[in-house]
PDB file of N, CA and C in Angstrom:
ATOM      1  N   UNK A   1       0.764  -1.167   0.134  1.00  0.00           N
ATOM      2  CA  UNK A   1      -0.094  -0.180   0.061  1.00  0.00           C
ATOM      3  C   UNK A   1       0.734   0.993   0.149  1.00  0.00           C
ATOM      4  N   UNK A   2       0.450   2.133  -1.032  1.00  0.00           N
ATOM      5  CA  UNK A   2       1.262   3.371  -0.970  1.00  0.00           C
ATOM      6  C   UNK A   2       1.185   4.150  -0.051  1.00  0.00           C
ATOM      7  N   UNK A   3       1.737   5.175   0.755  1.00  0.00           N
ATOM      8  CA  UNK A   3       1.528   6.005   1.856  1.00  0.00           C
ATOM      9  C   UNK A   3       1.220   7.332   1.176  1.00  0.00           C
ATOM     10  N   UNK A   4       0.298   7.664   1.614  1.00  0.00           N
ATOM     11  CA  UNK A   4      -0.178   9.494   0.887  1.00  0.00           C
ATOM     12  C   UNK A   4       0.040  10.433   1.851  1.00  0.00           C
ATOM     13  N   UNK A   5       1.260  11.538   1.399  1.00  0.00           N
ATOM     14  CA  UNK A   5       1.745  12.520   2.311  1.00  0.00           C
ATOM     15  C   UNK A   5       0.896  13.759   1.948  1.00  0.00           C
ATOM     16  N   UNK A   6       0.358  14.597   2.790  1.00  0.00           N
ATOM     17  CA  UNK A   6      -0.364  15.786   2.360  1.00  0.00           C
ATOM     18  C   UNK A   6       0.855  16.993   2.035  1.00  0.00           C
ATOM     19  N   UNK A   7       0.247  18.023   1.628  1.00  0.00           N
ATOM     20  CA  UNK A   7       1.385  19.415   1.479  1.00  0.00           C
ATOM     21  C   UNK A   7       1.360  19.997   2.732  1.00  0.00           C
ATOM     22  N   UNK A   8       2.512  20.129   2.965  1.00  0.00           N
ATOM     23  CA  UNK A   8       2.708  21.048   4.153  1.00  0.00           C
ATOM     24  C   UNK A   8       3.036  22.462   4.106  1.00  0.00           C
ATOM     25  N   UNK A   9       2.589  23.173   4.471  1.00  0.00           N
ATOM     26  CA  UNK A   9       2.574  24.715   4.410  1.00  0.00           C
ATOM     27  C   UNK A   9       2.753  25.280   5.766  1.00  0.00           C
ATOM     28  N   UNK A  10       4.143  26.329   5.883  1.00  0.00           N
ATOM     29  CA  UNK A  10       4.666  26.922   6.927  1.00  0.00           C
ATOM     30  C   UNK A  10       4.458  28.555   6.608  1.00  0.00           C
ATOM     31  N   UNK A  11       3.772  29.117   7.557  1.00  0.00           N
ATOM     32  CA  UNK A  11       3.865  30.442   7.529  1.00  0.00           C
ATOM     33  C   UNK A  11       3.935  30.991   8.713  1.00  0.00           C
ATOM     34  N   UNK A  12       4.370  32.231   8.925  1.00  0.00           N
ATOM     35  CA  UNK A  12       4.592  32.880   9.905  1.00  0.00           C
ATOM     36  C   UNK A  12       3.934  34.372   9.889  1.00  0.00           C
ATOM     37  N   UNK A  13       2.898  34.582  10.798  1.00  0.00           N
ATOM     38  CA  UNK A  13       2.589  35.853  10.909  1.00  0.00           C
ATOM     39  C   UNK A  13       3.321  36.925  11.667  1.00  0.00           C
ATOM     40  N   UNK A  14       3.375  37.840  11.507  1.00  0.00           N
ATOM     41  CA  UNK A  14       4.326  38.680  12.686  1.00  0.00           C
ATOM     42  C   UNK A  14       3.904  40.376  12.505  1.00  0.00           C
ATOM     43  N   UNK A  15       3.947  41.082  13.620  1.00  0.00           N
ATOM     44  CA  UNK A  15       3.764  42.503  13.430  1.00  0.00           C
ATOM     45  C   UNK A  15       5.069  43.067  13.462  1.00  0.00           C
ATOM     46  N   UNK A  16       5.191  44.319  12.621  1.00  0.00           N
ATOM     47  CA  UNK A  16       6.238  45.225  12.802  1.00  0.00           C
ATOM     48  C   UNK A  16       5.973  46.571  12.734  1.00  0.00           C
ATOM     49  N   UNK A  17       6.813  47.174  13.205  1.00  0.00           N
ATOM     50  CA  UNK A  17       6.642  48.582  13.626  1.00  0.00           C
ATOM     51  C   UNK A  17       6.966  49.665  12.281  1.00  0.00           C
ATOM     52  N   UNK A  18       7.383  48.924  11.554  1.00  0.00           N
ATOM     53  CA  UNK A  18       8.200  50.174  10.128  1.00  0.00           C
ATOM     54  C   UNK A  18       7.087  49.393   8.984  1.00  0.00           C
ATOM     55  N   UNK A  19       7.183  50.144   7.858  1.00  0.00           N
ATOM     56  CA  UNK A  19       6.469  49.968   6.648  1.00  0.00           C
ATOM     57  C   UNK A  19       7.365  49.318   6.026  1.00  0.00           C
ATOM     58  N   UNK A  20       7.080  48.090   5.513  1.00  0.00           N
ATOM     59  CA  UNK A  20       8.206  47.197   4.893  1.00  0.00           C
ATOM     60  C   UNK A  20       8.060  47.472   3.310  1.00  0.00           C
ATOM     61  N   UNK A  21       6.926  48.552   2.723  1.00  0.00           N
ATOM     62  CA  UNK A  21       6.590  48.736   1.500  1.00  0.00           C
ATOM     63  C   UNK A  21       7.816  49.003   0.607  1.00  0.00           C
ATOM     64  N   UNK A  22       8.344  50.081   0.818  1.00  0.00           N
ATOM     65  CA  UNK A  22       9.733  50.488   0.808  1.00  0.00           C
ATOM     66  C   UNK A  22      10.870  49.735   0.464  1.00  0.00           C
ATOM     67  N   UNK A  23      11.002  49.086   1.374  1.00  0.00           N
ATOM     68  CA  UNK A  23      12.146  47.720   1.426  1.00  0.00           C
ATOM     69  C   UNK A  23      11.530  46.788   0.528  1.00  0.00           C
ATOM     70  N   UNK A  24      10.460  46.385   0.254  1.00  0.00           N
ATOM     71  CA  UNK A  24       9.958  45.329  -0.655  1.00  0.00           C
ATOM     72  C   UNK A  24      10.294  45.995  -2.395  1.00  0.00           C
ATOM     73  N   UNK A  25       9.919  47.422  -2.214  1.00  0.00           N
ATOM     74  CA  UNK A  25      10.227  47.938  -3.618  1.00  0.00           C
ATOM     75  C   UNK A  25      11.535  48.262  -3.812  1.00  0.00           C
ATOM     76  N   UNK A  26      12.278  48.377  -3.214  1.00  0.00           N
ATOM     77  CA  UNK A  26      13.906  48.456  -3.429  1.00  0.00           C
ATOM     78  C   UNK A  26      14.429  47.227  -3.371  1.00  0.00           C
ATOM     79  N   UNK A  27      14.030  46.215  -2.793  1.00  0.00           N
ATOM     80  CA  UNK A  27      14.585  45.069  -3.045  1.00  0.00           C
ATOM     81  C   UNK A  27      14.170  44.315  -4.931  1.00  0.00           C
ATOM     82  N   UNK A  28      12.937  44.867  -4.849  1.00  0.00           N
ATOM     83  CA  UNK A  28      12.460  44.557  -6.629  1.00  0.00           C
ATOM     84  C   UNK A  28      13.416  45.318  -7.330  1.00  0.00           C
ATOM     85  N   UNK A  29      13.842  46.315  -7.063  1.00  0.00           N
ATOM     86  CA  UNK A  29      14.514  47.176  -7.933  1.00  0.00           C
ATOM     87  C   UNK A  29      15.902  46.388  -8.227  1.00  0.00           C
ATOM     88  N   UNK A  30      16.457  45.976  -6.817  1.00  0.00           N
ATOM     89  CA  UNK A  30      18.038  45.207  -6.918  1.00  0.00           C
ATOM     90  C   UNK A  30      17.722  43.811  -7.498  1.00  0.00           C
ATOM     91  N   UNK A  31      16.520  43.520  -7.371  1.00  0.00           N
ATOM     92  CA  UNK A  31      16.674  41.934  -8.231  1.00  0.00           C
ATOM     93  C   UNK A  31      16.227  42.483  -9.650  1.00  0.00           C
ATOM     94  N   UNK A  32      15.521  43.229 -10.276  1.00  0.00           N
ATOM     95  CA  UNK A  32      15.588  43.961 -11.617  1.00  0.00           C
ATOM     96  C   UNK A  32      16.960  44.224 -12.050  1.00  0.00           C
ATOM     97  N   UNK A  33      17.830  44.885 -11.324  1.00  0.00           N
ATOM     98  CA  UNK A  33      19.088  45.567 -11.689  1.00  0.00           C
ATOM     99  C   UNK A  33      20.120  44.031 -12.000  1.00  0.00           C
ATOM    100  N   UNK A  34      19.745  43.097 -11.068  1.00  0.00           N
ATOM    101  CA  UNK A  34      20.700  41.611 -11.060  1.00  0.00           C
ATOM    102  C   UNK A  34      20.147  41.146 -12.491  1.00  0.00           C
ATOM    103  N   UNK A  35      18.906  40.990 -12.559  1.00  0.00           N
ATOM    104  CA  UNK A  35      18.529  40.410 -14.225  1.00  0.00           C
ATOM    105  C   UNK A  35      19.248  41.177 -15.000  1.00  0.00           C
ATOM    106  N   UNK A  36      19.246  42.463 -15.133  1.00  0.00           N
ATOM    107  CA  UNK A  36      19.780  42.899 -16.394  1.00  0.00           C
ATOM    108  C   UNK A  36      21.410  42.852 -16.594  1.00  0.00           C
ATOM    109  N   UNK A  37      22.259  42.870 -15.260  1.00  0.00           N
ATOM    110  CA  UNK A  37      23.205  42.432 -15.156  1.00  0.00           C
ATOM    111  C   UNK A  37      23.694  41.106 -15.839  1.00  0.00           C
ATOM    112  N   UNK A  38      23.045  40.101 -15.202  1.00  0.00           N
ATOM    113  CA  UNK A  38      23.202  38.860 -15.484  1.00  0.00           C
ATOM    114  C   UNK A  38      22.797  38.390 -17.321  1.00  0.00           C
ATOM    115  N   UNK A  39      22.027  39.248 -17.776  1.00  0.00           N
ATOM    116  CA  UNK A  39      21.671  39.310 -19.069  1.00  0.00           C
ATOM    117  C   UNK A  39      22.885  39.988 -19.866  1.00  0.00           C
ATOM    118  N   UNK A  40      23.584  40.920 -19.200  1.00  0.00           N
ATOM    119  CA  UNK A  40      24.514  41.571 -19.979  1.00  0.00           C
ATOM    120  C   UNK A  40      25.889  40.869 -19.934  1.00  0.00           C
ATOM    121  N   UNK A  41      26.021  40.199 -18.761  1.00  0.00           N
ATOM    122  CA  UNK A  41      27.052  39.221 -18.546  1.00  0.00           C
ATOM    123  C   UNK A  41      26.956  38.031 -19.208  1.00  0.00           C
ATOM    124  N   UNK A  42      25.914  37.765 -19.602  1.00  0.00           N
ATOM    125  CA  UNK A  42      25.539  36.273 -20.192  1.00  0.00           C
ATOM    126  C   UNK A  42      25.723  35.194 -19.153  1.00  0.00           C
ATOM    127  N   UNK A  43      25.151  35.237 -18.255  1.00  0.00           N
ATOM    128  CA  UNK A  43      25.508  34.236 -16.855  1.00  0.00           C
ATOM    129  C   UNK A  43      24.006  34.240 -16.138  1.00  0.00           C
ATOM    130  N   UNK A  44      24.329  33.019 -15.464  1.00  0.00           N
ATOM    131  CA  UNK A  44      22.967  33.030 -14.567  1.00  0.00           C
ATOM    132  C   UNK A  44      23.381  32.275 -13.314  1.00  0.00           C
ATOM    133  N   UNK A  45      24.839  32.593 -13.180  1.00  0.00           N
ATOM    134  CA  UNK A  45      25.769  32.343 -11.757  1.00  0.00           C
ATOM    135  C   UNK A  45      25.478  33.431 -11.072  1.00  0.00           C
ATOM    136  N   UNK A  46      24.962  33.211  -9.435  1.00  0.00           N
ATOM    137  CA  UNK A  46      24.705  34.455  -8.821  1.00  0.00           C
ATOM    138  C   UNK A  46      25.789  34.708  -8.062  1.00  0.00           C
ATOM    139  N   UNK A  47      26.969  34.496  -8.090  1.00  0.00           N
ATOM    140  CA  UNK A  47      28.560  34.668  -7.530  1.00  0.00           C
ATOM    141  C   UNK A  47      28.771  35.989  -8.493  1.00  0.00           C
ATOM    142  N   UNK A  48      28.690  35.576  -9.784  1.00  0.00           N
ATOM    143  CA  UNK A  48      29.340  36.609 -10.628  1.00  0.00           C
ATOM    144  C   UNK A  48      28.440  37.697 -10.546  1.00  0.00           C
ATOM    145  N   UNK A  49      27.126  37.775 -10.755  1.00  0.00           N
ATOM    146  CA  UNK A  49      26.353  38.629 -10.608  1.00  0.00           C
ATOM    147  C   UNK A  49      26.107  39.366  -9.281  1.00  0.00           C
ATOM    148  N   UNK A  50      26.439  38.976  -8.289  1.00  0.00           N
ATOM    149  CA  UNK A  50      26.876  39.526  -6.904  1.00  0.00           C
ATOM    150  C   UNK A  50      28.360  40.234  -6.934  1.00  0.00           C
ATOM    151  N   UNK A  51      29.120  39.658  -7.266  1.00  0.00           N
ATOM    152  CA  UNK A  51      30.428  40.198  -7.619  1.00  0.00           C
ATOM    153  C   UNK A  51      30.373  41.590  -8.128  1.00  0.00           C
ATOM    154  N   UNK A  52      29.708  41.317  -9.635  1.00  0.00           N
ATOM    155  CA  UNK A  52      29.615  42.575 -10.450  1.00  0.00           C
ATOM    156  C   UNK A  52      28.831  43.823  -9.998  1.00  0.00           C
ATOM    157  N   UNK A  53      27.770  43.353  -8.929  1.00  0.00           N
ATOM    158  CA  UNK A  53      26.908  44.539  -8.350  1.00  0.00           C
ATOM    159  C   UNK A  53      27.211  44.943  -7.151  1.00  0.00           C
ATOM    160  N   UNK A  54      28.045  44.241  -6.202  1.00  0.00           N
ATOM    161  CA  UNK A  54      28.071  44.374  -4.805  1.00  0.00           C
ATOM    162  C   UNK A  54      28.722  45.796  -4.330  1.00  0.00           C
ATOM    163  N   UNK A  55      29.684  46.289  -5.200  1.00  0.00           N
ATOM    164  CA  UNK A  55      29.710  47.728  -4.769  1.00  0.00           C
ATOM    165  C   UNK A  55      28.665  48.910  -5.198  1.00  0.00           C
ATOM    166  N   UNK A  56      28.286  48.767  -6.148  1.00  0.00           N
ATOM    167  CA  UNK A  56      27.343  49.298  -6.736  1.00  0.00           C
ATOM    168  C   UNK A  56      25.785  49.360  -6.037  1.00  0.00           C
ATOM    169  N   UNK A  57      25.510  48.118  -5.514  1.00  0.00           N
ATOM    170  CA  UNK A  57      24.334  48.211  -4.401  1.00  0.00           C
ATOM    171  C   UNK A  57      24.939  48.690  -3.068  1.00  0.00           C
ATOM    172  N   UNK A  58      26.205  48.376  -2.630  1.00  0.00           N
ATOM    173  CA  UNK A  58      26.641  49.064  -1.429  1.00  0.00           C
ATOM    174  C   UNK A  58      26.389  50.535  -1.437  1.00  0.00           C
ATOM    175  N   UNK A  59      26.819  51.152  -2.434  1.00  0.00           N
ATOM    176  CA  UNK A  59      26.826  52.690  -2.596  1.00  0.00           C
ATOM    177  C   UNK A  59      25.486  53.156  -2.834  1.00  0.00           C
ATOM    178  N   UNK A  60      24.764  52.360  -3.572  1.00  0.00           N
ATOM    179  CA  UNK A  60      23.405  52.864  -4.073  1.00  0.00           C
ATOM    180  C   UNK A  60      22.406  52.831  -2.875  1.00  0.00           C
ATOM    181  N   UNK A  61      22.310  51.749  -2.316  1.00  0.00           N
ATOM    182  CA  UNK A  61      21.173  51.143  -1.409  1.00  0.00           C
ATOM    183  C   UNK A  61      21.420  51.351   0.079  1.00  0.00           C
ATOM    184  N   UNK A  62      23.083  50.805   0.215  1.00  0.00           N
ATOM    185  CA  UNK A  62      23.402  51.144   1.689  1.00  0.00           C
ATOM    186  C   UNK A  62      22.692  49.781   2.620  1.00  0.00           C
ATOM    187  N   UNK A  63      22.296  48.904   2.108  1.00  0.00           N
ATOM    188  CA  UNK A  63      21.493  47.817   2.834  1.00  0.00           C
ATOM    189  C   UNK A  63      22.522  46.752   3.100  1.00  0.00           C
ATOM    190  N   UNK A  64      22.190  46.091   4.015  1.00  0.00           N
ATOM    191  CA  UNK A  64      23.097  44.699   4.588  1.00  0.00           C
ATOM    192  C   UNK A  64      23.393  44.007   3.600  1.00  0.00           C
ATOM    193  N   UNK A  65      24.838  43.246   3.624  1.00  0.00           N
ATOM    194  CA  UNK A  65      24.949  42.351   2.787  1.00  0.00           C
ATOM    195  C   UNK A  65      24.143  41.161   1.930  1.00  0.00           C
ATOM    196  N   UNK A  66      23.583  40.714   2.798  1.00  0.00           N
ATOM    197  CA  UNK A  66      22.407  39.364   2.662  1.00  0.00           C
ATOM    198  C   UNK A  66      21.226  39.838   1.724  1.00  0.00           C
ATOM    199  N   UNK A  67      20.987  41.239   1.718  1.00  0.00           N
ATOM    200  CA  UNK A  67      20.288  41.662   0.671  1.00  0.00           C
ATOM    201  C   UNK A  67      20.672  41.474  -0.930  1.00  0.00           C
ATOM    202  N   UNK A  68      22.032  42.029  -0.794  1.00  0.00           N
ATOM    203  CA  UNK A  68      22.566  41.718  -2.563  1.00  0.00           C
ATOM    204  C   UNK A  68      22.898  40.333  -2.721  1.00  0.00           C
ATOM    205  N   UNK A  69      23.207  39.424  -1.733  1.00  0.00           N
ATOM    206  CA  UNK A  69      23.420  37.993  -1.945  1.00  0.00           C
ATOM    207  C   UNK A  69      21.962  37.506  -2.425  1.00  0.00           C
ATOM    208  N   UNK A  70      20.947  37.875  -1.464  1.00  0.00           N
ATOM    209  CA  UNK A  70      19.627  37.260  -1.979  1.00  0.00           C
ATOM    210  C   UNK A  70      19.084  37.916  -3.342  1.00  0.00           C
ATOM    211  N   UNK A  71      19.306  39.111  -3.452  1.00  0.00           N
ATOM    212  CA  UNK A  71      18.676  39.612  -4.779  1.00  0.00           C
ATOM    213  C   UNK A  71      19.338  38.949  -6.251  1.00  0.00           C
ATOM    214  N   UNK A  72      20.768  38.834  -5.970  1.00  0.00           N
ATOM    215  CA  UNK A  72      21.482  38.059  -7.046  1.00  0.00           C
ATOM    216  C   UNK A  72      20.682  36.492  -7.389  1.00  0.00           C
ATOM    217  N   UNK A  73      20.623  35.768  -6.223  1.00  0.00           N
ATOM    218  CA  UNK A  73      20.036  34.528  -6.242  1.00  0.00           C
ATOM    219  C   UNK A  73      18.748  34.397  -6.627  1.00  0.00           C
ATOM    220  N   UNK A  74      17.717  35.461  -6.204  1.00  0.00           N
ATOM    221  CA  UNK A  74      16.589  35.348  -7.155  1.00  0.00           C
ATOM    222  C   UNK A  74      16.380  35.612  -8.478  1.00  0.00           C
ATOM    223  N   UNK A  75      17.368  36.554  -8.567  1.00  0.00           N
ATOM    224  CA  UNK A  75      17.343  37.296 -10.068  1.00  0.00           C
ATOM    225  C   UNK A  75      17.844  36.042 -10.993  1.00  0.00           C
ATOM    226  N   UNK A  76      18.680  35.348 -10.448  1.00  0.00           N
ATOM    227  CA  UNK A  76      19.417  34.203 -11.531  1.00  0.00           C
ATOM    228  C   UNK A  76      18.569  32.913 -11.414  1.00  0.00           C
ATOM    229  N   UNK A  77      17.857  32.702 -10.411  1.00  0.00           N
ATOM    230  CA  UNK A  77      16.912  31.639 -10.421  1.00  0.00           C
ATOM    231  C   UNK A  77      15.625  31.988 -11.223  1.00  0.00           C
ATOM    232  N   UNK A  78      15.179  33.421 -11.337  1.00  0.00           N
ATOM    233  CA  UNK A  78      14.192  33.408 -12.203  1.00  0.00           C
ATOM    234  C   UNK A  78      14.492  33.541 -13.563  1.00  0.00           C
ATOM    235  N   UNK A  79      15.937  33.929 -13.954  1.00  0.00           N
ATOM    236  CA  UNK A  79      16.594  34.005 -15.220  1.00  0.00           C
ATOM    237  C   UNK A  79      16.492  32.279 -15.843  1.00  0.00           C
ATOM    238  N   UNK A  80      16.902  31.459 -15.045  1.00  0.00           N
ATOM    239  CA  UNK A  80      16.921  30.094 -15.287  1.00  0.00           C
ATOM    240  C   UNK A  80      15.647  29.405 -15.602  1.00  0.00           C
ATOM    241  N   UNK A  81      14.808  30.006 -14.910  1.00  0.00           N
ATOM    242  CA  UNK A  81      13.318  29.442 -14.956  1.00  0.00           C
ATOM    243  C   UNK A  81      12.921  30.172 -16.361  1.00  0.00           C
ATOM    244  N   UNK A  82      12.930  31.579 -16.725  1.00  0.00           N
ATOM    245  CA  UNK A  82      12.529  31.985 -17.914  1.00  0.00           C
ATOM    246  C   UNK A  82      13.094  31.483 -19.122  1.00  0.00           C
ATOM    247  N   UNK A  83      14.526  31.162 -18.913  1.00  0.00           N
ATOM    248  CA  UNK A  83      15.111  30.480 -19.976  1.00  0.00           C
ATOM    249  C   UNK A  83      14.651  29.130 -20.661  1.00  0.00           C
ATOM    250  N   UNK A  84      14.330  28.333 -19.331  1.00  0.00           N
ATOM    251  CA  UNK A  84      13.776  27.088 -19.739  1.00  0.00           C
ATOM    252  C   UNK A  84      12.503  27.019 -20.362  1.00  0.00           C
ATOM    253  N   UNK A  85      11.656  27.925 -20.042  1.00  0.00           N
ATOM    254  CA  UNK A  85      10.733  28.318 -20.582  1.00  0.00           C
ATOM    255  C   UNK A  85      10.247  28.852 -21.926  1.00  0.00           C
ATOM    256  N   UNK A  86      11.335  29.700 -22.161  1.00  0.00           N
ATOM    257  CA  UNK A  86      11.341  30.257 -23.649  1.00  0.00           C
ATOM    258  C   UNK A  86      11.664  28.975 -24.510  1.00  0.00           C
ATOM    259  N   UNK A  87      12.579  28.305 -24.053  1.00  0.00           N
ATOM    260  CA  UNK A  87      12.969  26.980 -24.801  1.00  0.00           C
ATOM    261  C   UNK A  87      11.893  26.408 -24.883  1.00  0.00           C
ATOM    262  N   UNK A  88      10.784  26.190 -24.360  1.00  0.00           N
ATOM    263  CA  UNK A  88       9.771  25.130 -24.522  1.00  0.00           C
ATOM    264  C   UNK A  88       8.727  25.822 -25.176  1.00  0.00           C
ATOM    265  N   UNK A  89       9.013  27.431 -25.356  1.00  0.00           N
ATOM    266  CA  UNK A  89       7.880  28.078 -26.391  1.00  0.00           C
ATOM    267  C   UNK A  89       6.712  28.644 -25.495  1.00  0.00           C
ATOM    268  N   UNK A  90       6.907  28.596 -24.152  1.00  0.00           N
ATOM    269  CA  UNK A  90       5.639  28.913 -23.101  1.00  0.00           C
ATOM    270  C   UNK A  90       5.567  30.388 -22.693  1.00  0.00           C
ATOM    271  N   UNK A  91       6.626  30.947 -22.968  1.00  0.00           N
ATOM    272  CA  UNK A  91       6.771  32.671 -22.619  1.00  0.00           C
ATOM    273  C   UNK A  91       7.319  33.583 -23.593  1.00  0.00           C
ATOM    274  N   UNK A  92       6.957  34.529 -23.643  1.00  0.00           N
ATOM    275  CA  UNK A  92       7.554  35.695 -24.819  1.00  0.00           C
ATOM    276  C   UNK A  92       9.072  35.578 -24.152  1.00  0.00           C
ATOM    277  N   UNK A  93       9.807  35.424 -25.143  1.00  0.00           N
ATOM    278  CA  UNK A  93      11.361  35.774 -25.251  1.00  0.00           C
ATOM    279  C   UNK A  93      11.883  36.927 -25.052  1.00  0.00           C
ATOM    280  N   UNK A  94      11.143  38.089 -24.750  1.00  0.00           N
ATOM    281  CA  UNK A  94      11.495  39.641 -24.460  1.00  0.00           C
ATOM    282  C   UNK A  94      12.317  39.288 -23.015  1.00  0.00           C
ATOM    283  N   UNK A  95      13.181  40.351 -22.665  1.00  0.00           N
ATOM    284  CA  UNK A  95      13.682  40.187 -21.344  1.00  0.00           C
ATOM    285  C   UNK A  95      12.758  40.483 -20.504  1.00  0.00           C
ATOM    286  N   UNK A  96      13.069  39.360 -19.514  1.00  0.00           N
ATOM    287  CA  UNK A  96      12.058  39.622 -18.343  1.00  0.00           C
ATOM    288  C   UNK A  96      12.537  40.888 -17.166  1.00  0.00           C
ATOM    289  N   UNK A  97      11.374  41.156 -16.206  1.00  0.00           N
ATOM    290  CA  UNK A  97      11.635  41.922 -15.205  1.00  0.00           C
ATOM    291  C   UNK A  97      10.903  41.008 -14.297  1.00  0.00           C
ATOM    292  N   UNK A  98      11.287  41.586 -12.703  1.00  0.00           N
ATOM    293  CA  UNK A  98      10.656  41.248 -11.860  1.00  0.00           C
ATOM    294  C   UNK A  98       9.566  42.286 -11.490  1.00  0.00           C
ATOM    295  N   UNK A  99       8.161  41.796 -11.404  1.00  0.00           N
ATOM    296  CA  UNK A  99       7.312  43.001 -10.948  1.00  0.00           C
ATOM    297  C   UNK A  99       6.544  42.542  -9.496  1.00  0.00           C
ATOM    298  N   UNK A 100       6.910  41.369  -9.031  1.00  0.00           N
ATOM    299  CA  UNK A 100       6.016  41.382  -7.911  1.00  0.00           C
ATOM    300  C   UNK A 100       6.993  41.686  -6.351  1.00  0.00           C
ATOM    301  N   UNK A 101       6.575  41.992  -5.682  1.00  0.00           N
ATOM    302  CA  UNK A 101       7.205  42.425  -4.593  1.00  0.00           C
ATOM    303  C   UNK A 101       7.616  41.414  -3.523  1.00  0.00           C
ATOM    304  N   UNK A 102       9.132  41.194  -3.529  1.00  0.00           N
ATOM    305  CA  UNK A 102       9.498  39.810  -2.576  1.00  0.00           C
ATOM    306  C   UNK A 102      10.569  40.097  -1.816  1.00  0.00           C
ATOM    307  N   UNK A 103      10.763  39.294  -0.937  1.00  0.00           N
ATOM    308  CA  UNK A 103      12.073  39.484  -0.023  1.00  0.00           C
ATOM    309  C   UNK A 103      12.439  38.125   0.247  1.00  0.00           C
TER     310      UNK A 103
END
């Protein structure tokens, strides 16, 4: 007999004192810049993108280092997925941009 496992979803609700909308918009801009840089460098390596943009992000945004690392990983992951879908003919081959707020 085959065991059936349900999907597990973990979510945490927390209250915060600051408006995170600005942070999410900034992170979205960082992801878009990482995508543009990855397309320009013709790479999907988060390390290469991070090294190319780290100083720029540090000067422009002044956020903690992990935001730069996270933005490059999110961007490269999205680009890999987009390229795979372009190859299958499921998406428009125009240059992708991240539009949803994420962190």
